[in-house]
Protein backbone atom coordinates (compact mmCIF):
# COMPACT_ATOMS: atom_id res chain seq x y z
CA MET A 1 -23.55 -75.61 -13.38
CA LYS A 2 -21.67 -72.39 -14.18
CA ASN A 3 -18.31 -70.73 -13.79
CA THR A 4 -16.41 -74.07 -13.70
CA GLU A 5 -12.97 -73.67 -15.26
CA ARG A 6 -10.99 -76.29 -17.12
CA GLY A 7 -7.69 -75.63 -18.76
CA GLY A 8 -8.07 -71.88 -18.26
CA ALA A 9 -11.30 -71.72 -20.32
CA GLN A 10 -14.65 -70.95 -18.73
CA MET A 11 -17.19 -73.74 -19.02
CA GLU A 12 -20.90 -73.01 -18.78
CA LEU A 13 -23.43 -75.83 -18.68
CA ASP A 14 -27.08 -75.84 -17.75
CA ILE A 15 -29.47 -78.53 -16.65
CA ARG A 16 -31.25 -78.55 -19.99
CA VAL A 17 -28.05 -79.46 -21.88
CA LEU A 18 -27.18 -82.12 -19.36
CA LYS A 19 -30.56 -83.68 -19.98
CA TYR A 20 -29.84 -83.58 -23.71
CA PHE A 21 -26.61 -85.43 -23.14
CA LEU A 22 -28.29 -88.11 -21.01
CA ALA A 23 -31.05 -88.57 -23.60
CA ILE A 24 -28.45 -89.22 -26.31
CA ALA A 25 -26.55 -91.63 -24.07
CA LYS A 26 -29.77 -93.54 -23.46
CA ALA A 27 -30.95 -93.59 -27.08
CA GLY A 28 -27.55 -94.22 -28.65
CA ASN A 29 -28.72 -92.21 -31.60
CA MET A 30 -28.95 -88.46 -32.25
CA THR A 31 -32.09 -88.69 -34.35
CA GLN A 32 -34.03 -90.72 -31.80
CA ALA A 33 -32.89 -88.51 -28.92
CA ALA A 34 -34.05 -85.41 -30.79
CA LYS A 35 -37.48 -87.02 -31.25
CA ASP A 36 -37.67 -87.94 -27.56
CA LEU A 37 -36.73 -84.38 -26.61
CA HIS A 38 -39.07 -82.76 -29.16
CA ILE A 39 -36.31 -80.61 -30.66
CA THR A 40 -34.62 -80.61 -34.05
CA GLN A 41 -31.57 -82.79 -34.62
CA PRO A 42 -29.35 -79.88 -35.75
CA THR A 43 -30.17 -78.03 -32.55
CA LEU A 44 -29.31 -81.06 -30.48
CA SER A 45 -26.08 -81.75 -32.37
CA ARG A 46 -24.99 -78.13 -31.95
CA GLN A 47 -25.68 -78.16 -28.19
CA ILE A 48 -23.64 -81.34 -27.68
CA ALA A 49 -20.81 -80.10 -29.88
CA ASP A 50 -20.65 -76.85 -27.88
CA MET A 51 -20.60 -78.84 -24.63
CA GLU A 52 -17.78 -81.05 -25.84
CA LYS A 53 -15.84 -78.00 -26.93
CA ASP A 54 -16.31 -76.43 -23.47
CA LEU A 55 -15.25 -79.64 -21.77
CA GLY A 56 -12.28 -80.10 -24.08
CA THR A 57 -13.07 -83.74 -24.78
CA GLU A 58 -15.33 -85.91 -26.88
CA LEU A 59 -18.13 -87.54 -24.91
CA PHE A 60 -19.21 -89.95 -27.63
CA VAL A 61 -17.58 -92.38 -30.00
CA ARG A 62 -19.32 -91.91 -33.32
CA LYS A 63 -19.81 -94.96 -35.50
CA ARG A 64 -21.99 -94.11 -38.45
CA ARG A 65 -25.37 -93.31 -36.95
CA HIS A 66 -24.72 -95.02 -33.63
CA LEU A 67 -23.19 -93.24 -30.62
CA THR A 68 -21.52 -94.87 -27.66
CA LEU A 69 -19.98 -93.14 -24.63
CA SER A 70 -16.27 -92.52 -24.59
CA ASP A 71 -14.29 -93.03 -21.37
CA SER A 72 -14.79 -89.36 -20.56
CA GLY A 73 -18.44 -89.74 -21.49
CA PHE A 74 -18.97 -92.55 -18.97
CA LEU A 75 -17.50 -90.38 -16.18
CA PHE A 76 -19.51 -87.34 -17.29
CA GLN A 77 -22.70 -89.42 -17.47
CA GLN A 78 -22.46 -90.29 -13.81
CA ARG A 79 -21.88 -86.71 -12.76
CA ALA A 80 -24.63 -85.44 -15.06
CA LYS A 81 -27.10 -87.89 -13.53
CA GLU A 82 -26.20 -86.67 -10.04
CA ILE A 83 -26.57 -83.00 -11.02
CA VAL A 84 -29.89 -83.50 -12.81
CA ALA A 85 -31.22 -85.55 -9.90
CA LEU A 86 -30.19 -82.87 -7.42
CA ALA A 87 -31.82 -80.12 -9.55
CA ASP A 88 -35.06 -82.16 -9.85
CA LYS A 89 -35.05 -82.70 -6.07
CA ALA A 90 -34.60 -78.98 -5.46
CA ARG A 91 -37.42 -78.19 -7.90
CA ARG A 92 -39.75 -80.62 -6.10
CA GLU A 93 -38.88 -79.14 -2.72
CA ILE A 94 -39.61 -75.67 -3.98
CA ALA A 95 -42.89 -76.79 -5.49
CA GLU A 96 -43.87 -78.47 -2.25
CA GLN A 97 -43.10 -75.23 -0.39
CA GLU A 98 -45.15 -73.24 -2.94
CA GLU A 99 -48.11 -75.58 -2.39
CA ARG A 100 -48.08 -74.75 1.30
CA ILE A 101 -48.73 -71.08 0.57
CA GLY A 102 -52.22 -70.29 1.74
CA GLY A 103 -54.30 -67.30 2.62
CA ILE A 104 -57.19 -65.28 1.24
CA VAL A 105 -57.17 -63.01 -1.80
CA THR A 106 -60.00 -60.42 -1.76
CA ILE A 107 -61.19 -59.05 -5.10
CA ASP A 108 -63.99 -56.67 -6.04
CA CYS A 109 -65.14 -56.72 -9.64
CA VAL A 110 -67.63 -54.73 -11.71
CA GLU A 111 -70.44 -56.62 -13.40
CA SER A 112 -69.01 -57.07 -16.89
CA VAL A 113 -67.30 -59.63 -19.06
CA ALA A 114 -64.37 -59.54 -16.62
CA SER A 115 -66.52 -61.03 -13.85
CA ARG A 116 -67.17 -64.06 -16.05
CA LEU A 117 -63.51 -64.60 -16.92
CA LEU A 118 -62.05 -63.94 -13.47
CA PRO A 119 -63.02 -67.41 -12.14
CA GLU A 120 -61.00 -68.99 -14.97
CA THR A 121 -57.92 -67.13 -13.70
CA MET A 122 -58.61 -68.26 -10.16
CA SER A 123 -58.99 -71.86 -11.29
CA ALA A 124 -55.67 -71.78 -13.14
CA PHE A 125 -53.87 -70.16 -10.19
CA SER A 126 -55.36 -72.71 -7.74
CA ARG A 127 -53.72 -75.55 -9.63
CA ASP A 128 -50.34 -74.23 -8.39
CA TYR A 129 -51.61 -72.85 -5.07
CA PRO A 130 -54.45 -75.10 -3.93
CA LEU A 131 -54.51 -73.68 -0.36
CA VAL A 132 -55.29 -70.14 -1.45
CA CYS A 133 -58.92 -69.07 -0.96
CA TYR A 134 -60.82 -66.13 -2.44
CA GLU A 135 -63.37 -63.57 -1.43
CA LEU A 136 -65.05 -62.23 -4.51
CA TYR A 137 -67.52 -59.33 -4.49
CA SER A 138 -69.53 -57.45 -7.09
CA ALA A 139 -69.47 -53.64 -6.80
CA ASP A 140 -69.32 -50.49 -8.84
CA GLY A 141 -66.27 -48.27 -9.29
CA ASN A 142 -67.04 -46.00 -6.38
CA ASP A 143 -67.35 -48.83 -3.86
CA ILE A 144 -64.30 -50.63 -5.23
CA ARG A 145 -62.07 -47.57 -4.99
CA GLU A 146 -63.26 -46.80 -1.45
CA LYS A 147 -62.46 -50.39 -0.36
CA ILE A 148 -59.04 -50.23 -1.96
CA ASP A 149 -58.35 -46.95 -0.12
CA ARG A 150 -59.44 -48.44 3.20
CA GLY A 151 -57.43 -51.58 2.59
CA SER A 152 -60.47 -53.80 3.00
CA ILE A 153 -59.85 -55.47 -0.36
CA ASP A 154 -56.61 -56.37 -2.13
CA LEU A 155 -57.54 -55.88 -5.76
CA GLY A 156 -60.30 -54.27 -7.76
CA ILE A 157 -61.35 -54.68 -11.40
CA LEU A 158 -62.83 -51.47 -12.74
CA LEU A 159 -64.37 -50.28 -15.99
CA GLU A 160 -62.80 -47.24 -17.58
CA PRO A 161 -62.96 -44.30 -17.29
CA VAL A 162 -61.09 -44.61 -13.97
CA GLU A 163 -59.14 -42.14 -11.89
CA THR A 164 -55.96 -44.21 -11.59
CA ALA A 165 -53.52 -41.56 -10.35
CA LYS A 166 -53.35 -42.87 -6.79
CA TYR A 167 -53.33 -46.56 -7.71
CA ASP A 168 -51.01 -49.04 -9.27
CA PHE A 169 -52.85 -50.75 -12.06
CA LEU A 170 -52.68 -53.22 -14.90
CA ARG A 171 -54.69 -52.69 -18.07
CA LEU A 172 -56.61 -55.88 -18.84
CA PRO A 173 -57.46 -57.20 -22.32
CA PHE A 174 -61.22 -57.26 -21.57
CA TYR A 175 -63.23 -54.78 -23.61
CA GLU A 176 -66.91 -53.85 -23.58
CA ARG A 177 -69.38 -52.18 -25.94
CA TRP A 178 -71.69 -49.60 -24.45
CA GLY A 179 -75.34 -49.66 -25.42
CA ILE A 180 -78.91 -49.61 -24.26
CA ALA A 181 -80.80 -52.44 -22.57
CA LEU A 182 -84.48 -52.14 -23.30
CA ARG A 183 -87.56 -54.33 -23.42
CA GLU A 184 -87.96 -56.54 -26.50
CA ASN A 185 -91.30 -54.95 -27.34
CA SER A 186 -89.73 -51.48 -27.60
CA PRO A 187 -89.78 -49.97 -31.14
CA LEU A 188 -86.02 -49.45 -30.79
CA ALA A 189 -85.26 -53.10 -29.92
CA ASN A 190 -85.06 -54.18 -33.54
CA LYS A 191 -82.42 -51.60 -34.55
CA GLU A 192 -78.86 -52.70 -35.17
CA ALA A 193 -77.55 -49.68 -33.22
CA LEU A 194 -78.93 -46.62 -31.52
CA THR A 195 -77.86 -43.12 -32.46
CA THR A 196 -77.83 -39.97 -30.34
CA GLU A 197 -81.18 -38.98 -31.85
CA ASP A 198 -82.70 -42.35 -30.83
CA ILE A 199 -81.59 -41.93 -27.21
CA GLN A 200 -82.35 -38.29 -26.54
CA GLY A 201 -85.55 -38.01 -24.56
CA LEU A 202 -85.60 -41.66 -23.50
CA PRO A 203 -86.12 -42.30 -19.75
CA LEU A 204 -82.61 -43.39 -18.76
CA ILE A 205 -81.35 -45.68 -15.99
CA ILE A 206 -77.65 -44.98 -15.59
CA PRO A 207 -74.66 -45.88 -13.39
CA ARG A 208 -74.43 -43.60 -10.33
CA ARG A 209 -70.75 -42.69 -10.91
CA THR A 210 -70.35 -39.03 -11.75
CA ILE A 211 -67.46 -39.62 -14.14
CA VAL A 212 -69.61 -42.09 -16.11
CA ILE A 213 -72.62 -39.74 -16.19
CA GLU A 214 -70.41 -36.99 -17.57
CA GLU A 215 -69.03 -39.34 -20.22
CA ILE A 216 -72.55 -40.40 -21.29
CA ALA A 217 -73.64 -36.77 -21.54
CA ARG A 218 -70.57 -35.99 -23.69
CA TRP A 219 -71.49 -38.86 -26.03
CA LEU A 220 -74.99 -37.46 -26.43
CA GLY A 221 -73.77 -33.90 -26.82
CA MET A 222 -75.81 -32.74 -23.82
CA GLU A 223 -75.27 -31.30 -20.41
CA ALA A 224 -75.44 -33.91 -17.66
CA ASP A 225 -78.35 -32.15 -15.94
CA SER A 226 -80.31 -32.25 -19.24
CA LEU A 227 -80.39 -36.05 -19.35
CA ASN A 228 -83.80 -37.65 -18.71
CA ILE A 229 -82.57 -39.75 -15.77
CA VAL A 230 -85.33 -41.70 -14.06
CA ALA A 231 -83.06 -43.86 -11.87
CA SER A 232 -79.44 -44.61 -11.10
CA HIS A 233 -77.84 -47.79 -9.80
CA ASN A 234 -74.69 -49.15 -8.27
CA LEU A 235 -74.98 -52.51 -10.09
CA PRO A 236 -76.46 -53.25 -13.53
CA THR A 237 -78.40 -56.17 -12.04
CA ASN A 238 -80.58 -53.69 -10.17
CA GLY A 239 -81.02 -51.52 -13.28
CA LEU A 240 -82.13 -54.48 -15.39
CA LEU A 241 -84.94 -55.20 -12.95
CA LEU A 242 -86.23 -51.68 -13.54
CA VAL A 243 -86.02 -52.19 -17.28
CA GLN A 244 -88.18 -55.32 -16.98
CA GLN A 245 -90.82 -53.26 -15.22
CA GLY A 246 -90.83 -50.67 -18.02
CA ILE A 247 -89.44 -47.87 -15.85
CA GLY A 248 -86.74 -46.89 -18.31
CA CYS A 249 -83.87 -47.94 -20.56
CA LEU A 250 -80.52 -48.94 -19.07
CA ILE A 251 -77.28 -47.51 -20.39
CA CYS A 252 -74.74 -50.25 -19.71
CA VAL A 253 -72.00 -52.44 -21.19
CA GLN A 254 -72.89 -55.59 -23.10
CA GLY A 255 -71.20 -57.85 -20.55
CA SER A 256 -73.70 -56.77 -17.89
CA LEU A 257 -76.32 -58.88 -19.72
CA ALA A 258 -73.92 -61.72 -20.54
CA ILE A 259 -73.45 -62.61 -16.87
CA ARG A 260 -77.11 -63.48 -16.28
CA PRO A 261 -79.11 -62.99 -19.51
CA PRO A 262 -82.46 -61.46 -18.45
CA GLN A 263 -85.78 -62.46 -19.98
CA GLY A 264 -87.51 -60.04 -22.32
CA ILE A 265 -84.58 -57.61 -22.63
CA ARG A 266 -82.39 -56.84 -25.63
CA PHE A 267 -79.05 -55.05 -25.77
CA VAL A 268 -78.59 -52.61 -28.66
CA PRO A 269 -75.10 -51.02 -29.08
CA LEU A 270 -74.52 -47.32 -29.52
CA ALA A 271 -73.63 -45.71 -32.83
CA PRO A 272 -70.99 -44.54 -33.20
CA GLU A 273 -69.55 -47.48 -31.29
CA ARG A 274 -68.32 -46.80 -27.77
CA ILE A 275 -65.68 -49.17 -26.44
CA THR A 276 -64.33 -49.24 -22.88
CA GLY A 277 -61.62 -51.28 -21.24
CA HIS A 278 -60.86 -52.63 -17.77
CA VAL A 279 -58.07 -52.08 -15.28
CA LEU A 280 -56.94 -54.14 -12.32
CA ALA A 281 -56.12 -51.63 -9.57
CA TRP A 282 -54.47 -51.90 -6.16
CA LYS A 283 -53.23 -49.54 -3.50
CA LYS A 284 -49.82 -47.98 -4.11
CA ASN A 285 -46.98 -49.05 -1.79
CA HIS A 286 -49.24 -51.58 -0.10
CA ALA A 287 -47.69 -54.69 1.52
CA PHE A 288 -49.66 -57.73 0.37
CA SER A 289 -49.75 -61.25 1.77
CA THR A 290 -47.66 -63.83 -0.07
CA ALA A 291 -50.84 -65.33 -1.54
CA THR A 292 -52.03 -61.99 -2.96
CA THR A 293 -48.53 -61.13 -4.23
CA ARG A 294 -48.35 -64.43 -6.10
CA PHE A 295 -51.86 -64.00 -7.47
CA LEU A 296 -51.08 -60.51 -8.70
CA GLN A 297 -47.88 -61.73 -10.35
CA PHE A 298 -49.86 -64.53 -11.97
CA ILE A 299 -52.39 -62.11 -13.46
CA GLN A 300 -49.60 -59.82 -14.69
CA SER A 301 -47.95 -62.70 -16.53
CA ARG A 302 -51.25 -64.08 -17.83
CA TYR A 303 -52.64 -60.79 -19.14
CA ASN A 304 -49.60 -59.00 -20.47
CA ASN A 305 -49.58 -56.44 -23.26
CA SER A 306 -49.57 -59.14 -25.91
CA ALA A 307 -52.80 -60.76 -24.71
CA PRO A 308 -55.54 -60.65 -27.41
CA PRO A 309 -58.57 -58.45 -26.72
CA ILE A 310 -61.61 -60.21 -25.23
CA PHE A 311 -65.18 -59.08 -25.87
CA PRO A 312 -68.38 -60.57 -24.41
C-alpha cells in the first residue's frame, strides 16, 4: 500500500510490515513475534515504530513487556488483515496462472560436466512449471550452432572456445580440465599429468571442430597438419570406443568420462593445466515461447556471476 496521504505526509507501507504488525497483535509480545517471524527484535521494533510515525498514531498500548492494541490499532488490524488476505489471494492466482504455462524447451548440450548438471536445473524449474516438457540432445559445437541458426533448438550449451559474436550468451560456472583418455595398460596411464613431450607422436583421436583442433595444436606448439590424427569425432562417446579398441588416445575434457565412466580407460590431465568453460547460447533477437523465456530467465538467475565454479 503506497502513496496514501495522511495529514499532508506521505505514508508508505508494504505487505511485509503489515504482517509484522499482525504477528505482534497475535503474540502480544515483541520478543515472541520476532521469534515467530525469524527476525531480530530491534529490527521489528524499528519497523513498527516507523509505521506508527507514518500513520501518526500509536497502534499498541505498551505495558511493560505486554502489548495490546489501541483503538486505532483495532481499526488498523482489521484493514491490515483485509490487505494481506487480498495480497495472498493475488499471489495464489498468479501462481496458479504460472502453473498453467506449458510447452517444450529444446536444448542441445555437449558431453561434459554440464550435461550431468543440466537435469538438476530442469528438475528445479519443473517444480514451478510442472507442465513444461523438454527435448534434450547431445551434440558437438558445430551441430549445436547450426541448429541454433536454423531455429530448430532454443538453447545450446557449448564448450569454449566458441564463436559467440552472432549469439546472445550466458557464461556458465561449469569448468573442465583438458587431458588424454587412454587405456589403463598404457605406460602413460600412471602419470599425474602429460606434458607436450609425452603427447607428441601419439596417435590422437580429437574433436572434429576446426577451432578446437587449432587450439590443441597451439598447446602442443605444432602446426595442425603435423598432428598425428588417426580419427576425429563429433561426440566423445564415439571417441572412447576407439580408445578401448587401442586405435588411439582421445584428447577430451574430464567430464566426458564422468557422464558414463568407461571400463579400462584412465583420464590424465595436461600439463600445464588447460581449463575451459561453458556458455549457454541462443539466437539473437529470437522470439521464444513463454516456457523457454521463463526457463532462460531461471537459468540466468540460478547461474549468475556470483555462482561458484563447478568442476567434474
